[in-house]
């Protein structure tokens, strides 16, 4: 085969919401060469590969706008999970903590602190963003884009310091960010509920946001709070945007949709470029230390935190903090508990009962036993609802992100089913057209992160393509069986190369570490 493929008899979404009559999509040298009426172009070259769509919907490969796959993408079961949902590009470096740019000490810290979120990269042990992006070149079946993580920059300059940055420290962070963006990062990420980013003041965040703004790249933020704290947290992001003129993207937005979208609308009316991603579930997932511990503990230094948790002199202050979390404890189910794998999939009250301890004492034991490397799935509070999740997903500021975390014995199912669930709930049984689906799941993210020539089905675009059976697409993963691949997407191309065929990996690895297109 000479690198040309004919996708025969597909249907393409139209801007008016309809699907086209059957068409042939011609792929050559990794790009879409033409889209013609089915059978209208005469004889097909003998060495052209034929992919019979049989009336399936052809969509631009999906862009997962928020995922923790920078290490997991090398795992075949994760590759299958992505491709069975039509995902061809992932955006990593989320929540302000990841693998680059790092020296060895910073890499060791980041990989330990986010071990239950990001895992361990199989070949990278510190270096530049460019070095990290190179590890994906022709090594994985999907494309990987990367955000420069603020917490990692801060740790490299300041360690675990629980204070604002000095002028000299801030200048050093700015320099690291400039280099990270020059090396191919597609924006700046902040994780303001994680440490050490939680100690940053607005002066620090504005200075860094200005660097991203100067390159036309976004500030992507896990805000300082969600649900009942979401409005206040969003206001902070808008103060940063006003002072820096940065485009703002909110990570995994959830909470009371009316209040949040009122803020989004007001910000846009004031001229701010605002978007957000969300996933279609009512439970979240993160490391237990972020969910359960106060930021006045030195959480960025696991050894110091463990000493504090074991220190009898801290018992009173910790007890006061834990007393405010009694409504949280029943909502926690453990996802990853290294060394206590029997607890994975059990609720915190169940584990506490087995250990014969209180919920707070159980949290302390698990955190000290695992060196803070435990993670959990947690139900959102009543301020969230199915109606809020659906309303946020229907807004034109929305793009899809799974927030996938792939590690542990009982991970959240969103890494295996979020995009299929969007298609099932919002196209098959909701208000999206297939054109809308292409916007929410692909086109908007490609534009937001400046991923050139992706997210659209037009001649000249990169041939990242998913074929969707509109009657069969669904999320088959559950909280009890989270690692179940989705149904309804069995053929996927990345850069014109088949990477999923008949629902199975082909073994091809045409993926790249993607760099953003230069600002116009």
Protein backbone atom coordinates (compact mmCIF):
# COMPACT_ATOMS: atom_id res chain seq x y z
CA UNK A 1 0.00 0.00 0.00
CA UNK A 2 1.36 3.43 -0.94
CA UNK A 3 -0.07 5.35 2.01
CA UNK A 4 -3.42 6.06 0.38
CA UNK A 5 -6.70 4.92 1.90
CA UNK A 6 -10.26 5.17 0.68
CA UNK A 7 -12.92 5.32 3.39
CA UNK A 8 -15.88 4.17 1.36
CA UNK A 9 -19.53 4.95 2.02
CA UNK A 10 -19.25 7.15 5.13
CA UNK A 11 -21.58 9.89 6.24
CA UNK A 12 -20.19 13.30 7.19
CA UNK A 13 -21.83 15.74 9.65
CA UNK A 14 -23.06 18.96 8.05
CA UNK A 15 -23.21 22.43 9.68
CA UNK A 16 -27.02 22.39 9.49
CA UNK A 17 -27.08 19.32 11.72
CA UNK A 18 -27.81 16.78 9.03
CA UNK A 19 -25.65 13.90 7.84
CA UNK A 20 -24.48 13.82 4.25
CA UNK A 21 -25.43 11.20 1.74
CA UNK A 22 -22.75 8.47 1.57
CA UNK A 23 -19.34 9.87 0.60
CA UNK A 24 -15.85 8.57 0.01
CA UNK A 25 -13.05 10.09 2.05
CA UNK A 26 -9.72 9.94 0.24
CA UNK A 27 -6.60 9.91 2.42
CA UNK A 28 -3.10 10.38 1.05
CA UNK A 29 0.23 11.06 2.76
CA UNK A 30 -1.42 11.41 6.13
CA UNK A 31 -3.99 14.01 5.15
CA UNK A 32 -7.48 14.17 3.74
CA UNK A 33 -7.05 14.57 -0.01
CA UNK A 34 -10.71 14.84 -1.01
CA UNK A 35 -14.27 14.03 0.02
CA UNK A 36 -16.42 12.95 -2.91
CA UNK A 37 -19.82 11.44 -3.55
CA UNK A 38 -19.61 7.70 -2.92
CA UNK A 39 -18.26 5.91 -5.97
CA UNK A 40 -17.96 9.12 -7.99
CA UNK A 41 -14.21 9.24 -8.57
CA UNK A 42 -13.78 6.29 -10.91
CA UNK A 43 -11.27 3.50 -10.52
CA UNK A 44 -9.26 3.23 -7.34
CA UNK A 45 -5.53 2.58 -7.54
CA UNK A 46 -4.66 -1.06 -6.93
CA UNK A 47 -2.45 -0.25 -3.96
CA UNK A 48 -5.04 1.91 -2.19
CA UNK A 49 -6.34 0.51 1.09
CA UNK A 50 -10.11 0.25 1.32
CA UNK A 51 -11.97 0.86 4.58
CA UNK A 52 -15.66 0.18 4.14
CA UNK A 53 -17.60 2.55 6.40
CA UNK A 54 -20.94 0.88 5.68
CA UNK A 55 -22.82 4.07 6.47
CA UNK A 56 -21.01 4.85 9.72
CA UNK A 57 -20.48 8.48 10.70
CA UNK A 58 -16.97 9.78 10.02
CA UNK A 59 -15.73 12.32 12.57
CA UNK A 60 -12.45 14.13 13.14
CA UNK A 61 -10.41 12.25 15.72
CA UNK A 62 -11.34 13.37 19.20
CA UNK A 63 -9.10 15.58 21.33
CA UNK A 64 -9.20 14.78 25.03
CA UNK A 65 -8.71 18.26 26.47
CA UNK A 66 -7.84 17.08 29.97
CA UNK A 67 -6.16 13.77 30.70
CA UNK A 68 -3.37 12.33 32.84
CA UNK A 69 -1.97 10.04 30.17
CA UNK A 70 1.61 11.25 29.81
CA UNK A 71 2.89 7.88 31.11
CA UNK A 72 -0.21 5.72 30.65
CA UNK A 73 -0.29 6.32 26.88
CA UNK A 74 2.48 3.73 26.54
CA UNK A 75 0.20 1.01 27.98
CA UNK A 76 -1.64 -1.07 25.31
CA UNK A 77 -4.82 -1.35 27.40
CA UNK A 78 -4.91 2.45 27.74
CA UNK A 79 -4.29 2.89 24.03
CA UNK A 80 -7.24 0.59 23.37
CA UNK A 81 -9.38 2.50 25.86
CA UNK A 82 -8.66 5.77 24.07
CA UNK A 83 -9.09 4.52 20.53
CA UNK A 84 -12.31 2.65 21.27
CA UNK A 85 -13.68 6.11 22.13
CA UNK A 86 -12.26 7.74 18.99
CA UNK A 87 -9.58 9.72 20.86
CA UNK A 88 -6.59 10.49 18.65
CA UNK A 89 -4.96 13.34 20.63
CA UNK A 90 -4.57 13.87 24.38
CA UNK A 91 -3.64 17.07 26.21
CA UNK A 92 -1.45 16.32 29.24
CA UNK A 93 0.54 18.31 31.80
CA UNK A 94 -2.67 19.05 33.68
CA UNK A 95 -3.36 20.47 37.14
CA UNK A 96 0.04 22.11 37.40
CA UNK A 97 2.12 18.98 38.10
CA UNK A 98 3.90 16.77 35.60
CA UNK A 99 7.24 15.50 34.31
CA UNK A 100 8.82 18.53 32.59
CA UNK A 101 10.62 20.88 32.63
CA UNK A 102 12.54 19.26 35.45
CA UNK A 103 15.92 18.57 36.88
CA UNK A 104 16.27 15.20 38.56
CA UNK A 105 15.13 16.38 42.01
CA UNK A 106 12.04 18.07 40.61
CA UNK A 107 11.21 15.06 38.46
CA UNK A 108 11.49 12.77 41.50
CA UNK A 109 9.17 15.07 43.45
CA UNK A 110 6.56 15.40 40.68
CA UNK A 111 6.52 11.71 39.86
CA UNK A 112 6.15 10.82 43.56
CA UNK A 113 3.54 13.47 44.43
CA UNK A 114 1.38 12.61 41.40
CA UNK A 115 2.29 8.92 41.30
CA UNK A 116 -1.35 7.86 41.66
CA UNK A 117 -2.40 10.37 38.97
CA UNK A 118 0.35 10.46 36.33
CA UNK A 119 2.12 7.15 36.97
CA UNK A 120 5.76 6.65 35.98
CA UNK A 121 7.05 7.43 32.50
CA UNK A 122 8.88 4.38 31.09
CA UNK A 123 11.82 6.26 29.54
CA UNK A 124 11.84 9.89 30.73
CA UNK A 125 13.49 10.83 34.02
CA UNK A 126 13.69 14.61 33.79
CA UNK A 127 14.55 17.19 31.17
CA UNK A 128 12.90 19.74 28.93
CA UNK A 129 9.41 19.82 27.48
CA UNK A 130 11.00 19.16 24.11
CA UNK A 131 12.72 16.07 25.50
CA UNK A 132 9.42 14.79 26.87
CA UNK A 133 7.52 15.40 23.64
CA UNK A 134 10.20 13.50 21.73
CA UNK A 135 9.44 10.35 23.74
CA UNK A 136 6.08 10.08 22.00
CA UNK A 137 7.35 10.40 18.44
CA UNK A 138 6.42 7.23 16.52
CA UNK A 139 6.24 5.42 19.88
CA UNK A 140 2.49 5.50 20.57
CA UNK A 141 -0.65 5.32 18.41
CA UNK A 142 -2.10 8.69 19.47
CA UNK A 143 -0.78 12.25 19.56
CA UNK A 144 0.28 13.88 22.83
CA UNK A 145 0.18 17.62 23.55
CA UNK A 146 1.52 19.04 26.79
CA UNK A 147 0.85 22.02 29.05
CA UNK A 148 3.66 23.63 31.06
CA UNK A 149 2.78 22.84 34.70
CA UNK A 150 3.04 25.77 37.10
CA UNK A 151 3.46 23.66 40.25
CA UNK A 152 6.42 21.87 38.71
CA UNK A 153 8.00 25.19 37.72
CA UNK A 154 7.45 26.51 41.23
CA UNK A 155 8.91 23.44 42.91
CA UNK A 156 11.98 23.59 40.70
CA UNK A 157 12.61 27.19 41.79
CA UNK A 158 11.27 27.22 45.36
CA UNK A 159 10.94 23.63 46.48
CA UNK A 160 8.02 23.06 48.83
CA UNK A 161 8.05 26.60 50.24
CA UNK A 162 4.69 27.67 51.68
CA UNK A 163 4.91 31.35 50.81
CA UNK A 164 4.66 33.80 47.90
CA UNK A 165 7.55 33.96 45.46
CA UNK A 166 10.20 36.66 45.70
CA UNK A 167 10.95 38.85 42.68
CA UNK A 168 14.00 36.73 41.87
CA UNK A 169 12.08 33.46 42.20
CA UNK A 170 9.26 34.75 40.05
CA UNK A 171 11.73 35.85 37.37
CA UNK A 172 13.20 32.34 37.41
CA UNK A 173 9.74 30.80 36.97
CA UNK A 174 9.00 33.16 34.09
CA UNK A 175 12.24 32.10 32.40
CA UNK A 176 11.40 28.41 32.81
CA UNK A 177 7.92 28.96 31.40
CA UNK A 178 9.23 30.90 28.41
CA UNK A 179 11.59 28.04 27.61
CA UNK A 180 8.85 25.43 28.10
CA UNK A 181 6.59 27.23 25.64
CA UNK A 182 9.47 27.66 23.20
CA UNK A 183 10.07 23.90 23.50
CA UNK A 184 6.50 23.04 22.51
CA UNK A 185 4.12 23.37 25.45
CA UNK A 186 0.64 24.37 24.29
CA UNK A 187 -0.20 26.54 27.30
CA UNK A 188 0.21 26.98 31.05
CA UNK A 189 -1.58 24.76 33.56
CA UNK A 190 -2.24 25.63 37.18
CA UNK A 191 -3.59 23.36 39.91
CA UNK A 192 -4.63 25.75 42.63
CA UNK A 193 -5.99 23.12 45.03
CA UNK A 194 -2.70 21.23 44.84
CA UNK A 195 0.59 22.21 46.40
CA UNK A 196 2.81 24.08 45.97
CA UNK A 197 0.57 26.06 43.58
CA UNK A 198 -1.92 26.64 46.39
CA UNK A 199 0.65 28.97 47.98
CA UNK A 200 0.91 31.21 44.90
CA UNK A 201 -0.59 34.68 45.02
CA UNK A 202 -2.26 36.48 42.11
CA UNK A 203 0.89 38.49 41.42
CA UNK A 204 2.70 35.24 40.61
CA UNK A 205 -0.13 33.85 38.51
CA UNK A 206 -0.56 37.07 36.54
CA UNK A 207 3.14 37.24 35.70
CA UNK A 208 3.09 33.69 34.34
CA UNK A 209 -0.22 34.19 32.52
CA UNK A 210 1.31 37.14 30.68
CA UNK A 211 3.95 34.80 29.25
CA UNK A 212 1.28 32.48 27.83
CA UNK A 213 -0.78 35.42 26.55
CA UNK A 214 2.20 36.83 24.65
CA UNK A 215 2.30 33.59 22.64
CA UNK A 216 -1.44 33.35 22.12
CA UNK A 217 -1.66 30.28 24.37
CA UNK A 218 -4.13 29.62 27.19
CA UNK A 219 -4.00 29.51 30.96
CA UNK A 220 -5.63 26.18 31.86
CA UNK A 221 -6.65 26.00 35.52
CA UNK A 222 -7.84 23.57 38.11
CA UNK A 223 -9.41 26.33 40.17
CA UNK A 224 -9.03 26.90 43.93
CA UNK A 225 -12.39 25.26 44.44
CA UNK A 226 -15.50 23.88 42.79
CA UNK A 227 -19.16 23.35 43.65
CA UNK A 228 -20.03 25.93 46.34
CA UNK A 229 -16.56 27.50 45.91
CA UNK A 230 -16.75 27.63 42.12
CA UNK A 231 -18.05 31.17 41.74
CA UNK A 232 -15.33 32.67 43.93
CA UNK A 233 -12.65 30.56 42.28
CA UNK A 234 -13.78 31.62 38.80
CA UNK A 235 -13.63 35.27 39.85
CA UNK A 236 -9.93 34.81 40.65
CA UNK A 237 -9.29 33.47 37.14
CA UNK A 238 -11.04 36.49 35.65
CA UNK A 239 -8.90 38.89 37.69
CA UNK A 240 -5.85 37.12 36.28
CA UNK A 241 -7.31 37.34 32.76
CA UNK A 242 -8.06 41.06 33.09
CA UNK A 243 -4.53 41.77 34.26
CA UNK A 244 -2.76 39.56 31.70
CA UNK A 245 -5.14 39.36 28.71
CA UNK A 246 -4.67 35.60 28.71
CA UNK A 247 -7.23 33.21 27.24
CA UNK A 248 -8.68 31.19 30.12
CA UNK A 249 -9.71 27.54 30.11
CA UNK A 250 -11.23 25.99 33.25
CA UNK A 251 -10.43 22.35 33.90
CA UNK A 252 -13.19 19.81 34.66
CA UNK A 253 -15.82 22.43 35.48
CA UNK A 254 -18.59 21.12 37.69
CA UNK A 255 -21.10 22.61 40.07
CA UNK A 256 -24.31 24.66 39.88
CA UNK A 257 -24.54 25.25 36.13
CA UNK A 258 -26.74 28.36 36.24
CA UNK A 259 -24.32 30.29 38.45
CA UNK A 260 -21.22 29.11 36.60
CA UNK A 261 -22.57 29.81 33.13
CA UNK A 262 -23.76 33.23 34.23
CA UNK A 263 -20.14 33.99 35.08
CA UNK A 264 -18.88 32.56 31.79
CA UNK A 265 -21.36 34.70 29.89
CA UNK A 266 -20.41 37.85 31.79
CA UNK A 267 -16.72 37.22 31.20
CA UNK A 268 -17.26 36.72 27.49
CA UNK A 269 -19.40 39.85 27.30
CA UNK A 270 -16.50 41.75 28.85
CA UNK A 271 -14.25 40.53 26.06
CA UNK A 272 -12.49 37.61 27.78
CA UNK A 273 -11.76 34.41 25.86
CA UNK A 274 -13.16 31.73 28.18
CA UNK A 275 -13.78 28.03 27.71
CA UNK A 276 -13.93 24.95 29.91
CA UNK A 277 -13.94 21.17 29.77
CA UNK A 278 -16.09 18.71 31.64
CA UNK A 279 -16.76 14.99 31.90
CA UNK A 280 -20.22 13.35 32.03
CA UNK A 281 -20.12 11.82 35.52
CA UNK A 282 -21.16 12.84 39.03
CA UNK A 283 -18.04 11.43 40.67
CA UNK A 284 -14.51 12.79 40.56
CA UNK A 285 -11.12 11.23 41.22
CA UNK A 286 -7.87 12.54 42.68
CA UNK A 287 -5.16 11.84 45.21
CA UNK A 288 -6.42 11.36 48.75
CA UNK A 289 -4.02 13.97 50.13
CA UNK A 290 -5.68 16.74 48.07
CA UNK A 291 -9.17 15.58 48.97
CA UNK A 292 -8.61 15.10 52.69
CA UNK A 293 -5.67 17.19 53.93
CA UNK A 294 -5.42 20.93 54.63
CA UNK A 295 -2.94 22.98 52.64
CA UNK A 296 -1.34 24.25 55.84
CA UNK A 297 0.35 20.87 56.04
CA UNK A 298 3.58 20.66 53.98
CA UNK A 299 1.92 18.30 51.47
CA UNK A 300 4.51 19.10 48.79
CA UNK A 301 7.03 17.40 51.09
CA UNK A 302 5.64 13.89 51.73
CA UNK A 303 8.17 13.02 54.45
CA UNK A 304 7.41 16.19 56.40
CA UNK A 305 3.68 15.61 55.98
CA UNK A 306 3.92 12.06 57.29
CA UNK A 307 5.88 13.30 60.30
CA UNK A 308 3.17 15.88 60.94
CA UNK A 309 0.39 13.32 60.64
CA UNK A 310 2.16 11.11 63.20
CA UNK A 311 2.96 13.99 65.57
CA UNK A 312 0.64 13.94 68.64
CA UNK A 313 1.03 17.71 68.91
CA UNK A 314 -0.84 18.07 65.59
CA UNK A 315 -3.79 15.92 66.67
CA UNK A 316 -5.98 18.80 67.84
CA UNK A 317 -5.53 20.94 64.74
CA UNK A 318 -5.99 17.97 62.42
CA UNK A 319 -9.05 16.90 64.38
CA UNK A 320 -10.63 20.30 63.85
CA UNK A 321 -9.96 20.02 60.11
CA UNK A 322 -11.30 16.46 59.84
CA UNK A 323 -14.42 17.43 61.80
CA UNK A 324 -15.42 19.61 58.86
CA UNK A 325 -15.26 16.67 56.45
CA UNK A 326 -17.80 14.30 57.99
CA UNK A 327 -20.07 14.66 54.95
CA UNK A 328 -17.15 13.70 52.67
CA UNK A 329 -16.16 10.40 54.25
CA UNK A 330 -19.12 8.31 52.97
CA UNK A 331 -18.57 9.67 49.45
CA UNK A 332 -15.01 8.29 49.14
CA UNK A 333 -14.19 5.00 47.40
CA UNK A 334 -10.54 4.00 47.14
CA UNK A 335 -9.06 3.73 43.65
CA UNK A 336 -5.36 3.04 44.29
CA UNK A 337 -3.85 2.06 47.64
CA UNK A 338 -0.35 0.62 47.11
CA UNK A 339 0.38 -2.07 49.69
CA UNK A 340 -3.29 -2.18 50.76
CA UNK A 341 -4.80 -3.28 47.49
CA UNK A 342 -7.61 -5.06 49.35
CA UNK A 343 -9.05 -1.59 50.06
CA UNK A 344 -9.40 -0.65 46.37
CA UNK A 345 -13.05 -0.47 45.41
CA UNK A 346 -14.21 -0.18 49.02
CA UNK A 347 -15.69 2.92 50.59
CA UNK A 348 -13.86 4.76 53.36
CA UNK A 349 -16.46 3.68 55.98
CA UNK A 350 -16.05 0.04 54.86
CA UNK A 351 -12.27 0.22 55.16
CA UNK A 352 -12.54 1.97 58.52
CA UNK A 353 -14.84 -0.76 59.79
CA UNK A 354 -12.42 -3.48 58.69
CA UNK A 355 -9.55 -1.71 60.41
CA UNK A 356 -11.61 -0.94 63.52
CA UNK A 357 -10.76 2.75 63.28
CA UNK A 358 -12.52 6.05 62.73
CA UNK A 359 -12.69 7.53 59.25
CA UNK A 360 -10.08 10.24 60.00
CA UNK A 361 -7.69 7.71 61.56
CA UNK A 362 -8.14 5.48 58.51
CA UNK A 363 -7.27 8.35 56.19
CA UNK A 364 -4.13 9.06 58.21
CA UNK A 365 -3.12 5.38 58.20
CA UNK A 366 -3.59 5.03 54.45
CA UNK A 367 -1.69 8.23 53.71
CA UNK A 368 1.23 7.35 55.97
CA UNK A 369 1.35 3.73 54.78
CA UNK A 370 1.41 4.72 51.09
CA UNK A 371 3.62 7.83 51.47
CA UNK A 372 0.66 9.91 50.23
CA UNK A 373 0.38 7.81 47.03
CA UNK A 374 -3.25 6.79 47.50
CA UNK A 375 -6.08 7.95 45.24
CA UNK A 376 -9.84 7.83 45.50
CA UNK A 377 -13.07 8.25 43.57
CA UNK A 378 -15.51 10.57 45.30
CA UNK A 379 -19.13 11.53 44.73
CA UNK A 380 -19.70 15.23 44.21
CA UNK A 381 -21.83 17.08 46.79
CA UNK A 382 -25.50 17.98 46.15
CA UNK A 383 -24.52 21.30 44.56
CA UNK A 384 -23.85 19.18 41.47
CA UNK A 385 -26.60 17.28 39.65
CA UNK A 386 -27.29 15.39 36.42
CA UNK A 387 -29.02 18.53 35.13
CA UNK A 388 -25.95 20.66 35.83
CA UNK A 389 -23.63 18.17 34.12
CA UNK A 390 -25.87 18.09 31.05
CA UNK A 391 -26.33 21.88 30.94
CA UNK A 392 -22.58 22.54 31.13
CA UNK A 393 -21.98 20.07 28.29
CA UNK A 394 -24.52 21.77 26.03
CA UNK A 395 -22.93 25.24 26.23
CA UNK A 396 -20.82 26.53 23.35
CA UNK A 397 -17.93 27.19 25.72
CA UNK A 398 -17.65 23.48 26.45
CA UNK A 399 -15.13 20.99 25.14
CA UNK A 400 -14.74 17.42 26.28
CA UNK A 401 -12.11 16.22 28.72
CA UNK A 402 -12.08 12.87 30.46
CA UNK A 403 -9.75 13.82 33.36
CA UNK A 404 -8.67 10.20 32.97
CA UNK A 405 -6.49 8.64 35.67
CA UNK A 406 -5.53 5.12 34.63
CA UNK A 407 -3.75 3.74 37.68
CA UNK A 408 -4.94 1.56 40.55
CA UNK A 409 -7.14 -1.47 40.93
CA UNK A 410 -10.40 0.49 40.77
CA UNK A 411 -9.88 3.66 38.71
CA UNK A 412 -12.67 5.99 37.67
CA UNK A 413 -14.34 4.65 34.48
CA UNK A 414 -14.13 8.03 32.72
CA UNK A 415 -10.83 7.07 31.09
CA UNK A 416 -12.56 4.20 29.33
CA UNK A 417 -15.92 5.74 28.53
CA UNK A 418 -16.25 9.54 28.76
CA UNK A 419 -16.26 10.29 25.03
CA UNK A 420 -18.54 7.38 24.19
CA UNK A 421 -20.88 8.53 26.95
CA UNK A 422 -20.97 12.04 25.47
CA UNK A 423 -22.02 10.59 22.12
CA UNK A 424 -24.62 8.29 23.65
CA UNK A 425 -26.16 10.84 26.02
CA UNK A 426 -25.92 13.98 23.90
CA UNK A 427 -26.36 12.74 20.33
CA UNK A 428 -28.31 9.50 20.49
CA UNK A 429 -30.46 10.61 23.43
CA UNK A 430 -29.88 14.36 23.68
CA UNK A 431 -29.78 17.64 21.81
CA UNK A 432 -26.43 17.51 20.01
CA UNK A 433 -26.27 16.92 16.28
CA UNK A 434 -23.30 14.99 14.91
CA UNK A 435 -21.87 18.35 13.83
CA UNK A 436 -22.16 19.53 17.44
CA UNK A 437 -20.38 16.38 18.58
CA UNK A 438 -17.46 17.15 16.28
CA UNK A 439 -17.23 20.65 17.79
CA UNK A 440 -17.44 19.57 21.43
CA UNK A 441 -15.18 16.54 21.11
CA UNK A 442 -12.59 17.72 18.60
CA UNK A 443 -12.71 21.07 16.81
CA UNK A 444 -12.87 23.41 19.82
CA UNK A 445 -9.99 21.70 21.62
CA UNK A 446 -7.87 21.74 18.46
CA UNK A 447 -8.44 25.50 18.23
CA UNK A 448 -7.96 26.15 21.94
CA UNK A 449 -4.56 24.44 22.01
CA UNK A 450 -3.47 25.61 18.54
CA UNK A 451 -3.22 22.08 17.14
CA UNK A 452 -2.95 22.98 13.49
CA UNK A 453 -4.99 21.15 10.81
CA UNK A 454 -6.79 18.94 13.30
CA UNK A 455 -10.39 18.78 14.47
CA UNK A 456 -12.01 19.10 11.05
CA UNK A 457 -12.89 17.01 8.02
CA UNK A 458 -11.73 19.09 5.08
CA UNK A 459 -9.18 18.56 2.32
CA UNK A 460 -5.72 19.29 3.66
CA UNK A 461 -6.53 18.43 7.27
CA UNK A 462 -4.48 15.79 9.07
CA UNK A 463 -6.29 12.47 8.69
CA UNK A 464 -7.05 11.81 12.35
CA UNK A 465 -10.39 10.07 11.81
CA UNK A 466 -12.87 8.00 13.83
CA UNK A 467 -15.72 5.96 12.36
CA UNK A 468 -18.73 5.86 14.68
CA UNK A 469 -21.65 3.46 14.55
CA UNK A 470 -24.49 5.80 15.59
CA UNK A 471 -26.66 2.95 16.83
CA UNK A 472 -24.07 1.13 18.91
CA UNK A 473 -21.82 3.78 20.47
CA UNK A 474 -21.97 3.63 24.26
CA UNK A 475 -19.93 3.69 27.46
CA UNK A 476 -19.62 0.14 28.82
CA UNK A 477 -17.34 0.97 31.76
CA UNK A 478 -18.80 1.08 35.27
CA UNK A 479 -17.48 1.92 38.72
CA UNK A 480 -17.44 -1.81 39.45
CA UNK A 481 -15.75 -2.73 36.13
CA UNK A 482 -14.01 0.48 35.06
CA UNK A 483 -11.53 -0.99 32.58
CA UNK A 484 -14.19 -2.01 30.05
CA UNK A 485 -13.62 -0.51 26.57
CA UNK A 486 -16.45 1.41 24.92
CA UNK A 487 -18.58 0.08 22.06
CA UNK A 488 -19.46 1.53 18.68
CA UNK A 489 -16.06 2.75 17.43
CA UNK A 490 -13.99 0.04 15.78
CA UNK A 491 -11.91 1.86 13.16
CA UNK A 492 -9.62 4.83 13.81
CA UNK A 493 -6.86 6.48 11.78
CA UNK A 494 -4.10 8.71 13.13
CA UNK A 495 -2.19 10.66 10.53
CA UNK A 496 -3.80 8.49 7.89
CA UNK A 497 -2.53 5.27 9.50
CA UNK A 498 -5.03 2.69 10.80
CA UNK A 499 -4.39 2.30 14.53
CA UNK A 500 -7.68 0.56 15.43
CA UNK A 501 -9.20 -1.97 13.04
CA UNK A 502 -12.23 -4.09 13.86
CA UNK A 503 -12.00 -2.88 17.44
CA UNK A 504 -8.42 -4.09 17.95
CA UNK A 505 -5.07 -2.30 18.03
CA UNK A 506 -3.15 -2.66 14.79
CA UNK A 507 0.21 -2.15 16.46
CA UNK A 508 0.95 0.96 14.39
CA UNK A 509 2.47 3.90 16.30
CA UNK A 510 2.15 7.04 14.17
CA UNK A 511 1.64 9.36 17.14
CA UNK A 512 3.64 12.52 17.74
CA UNK A 513 4.39 14.92 20.53
CA UNK A 514 2.38 17.84 19.18
CA UNK A 515 3.55 21.43 19.31
CA UNK A 516 1.15 24.36 18.90
CA UNK A 517 1.04 26.35 15.70
CA UNK A 518 2.73 29.76 15.97
CA UNK A 519 0.38 32.61 16.85
CA UNK A 520 -0.77 34.57 13.82
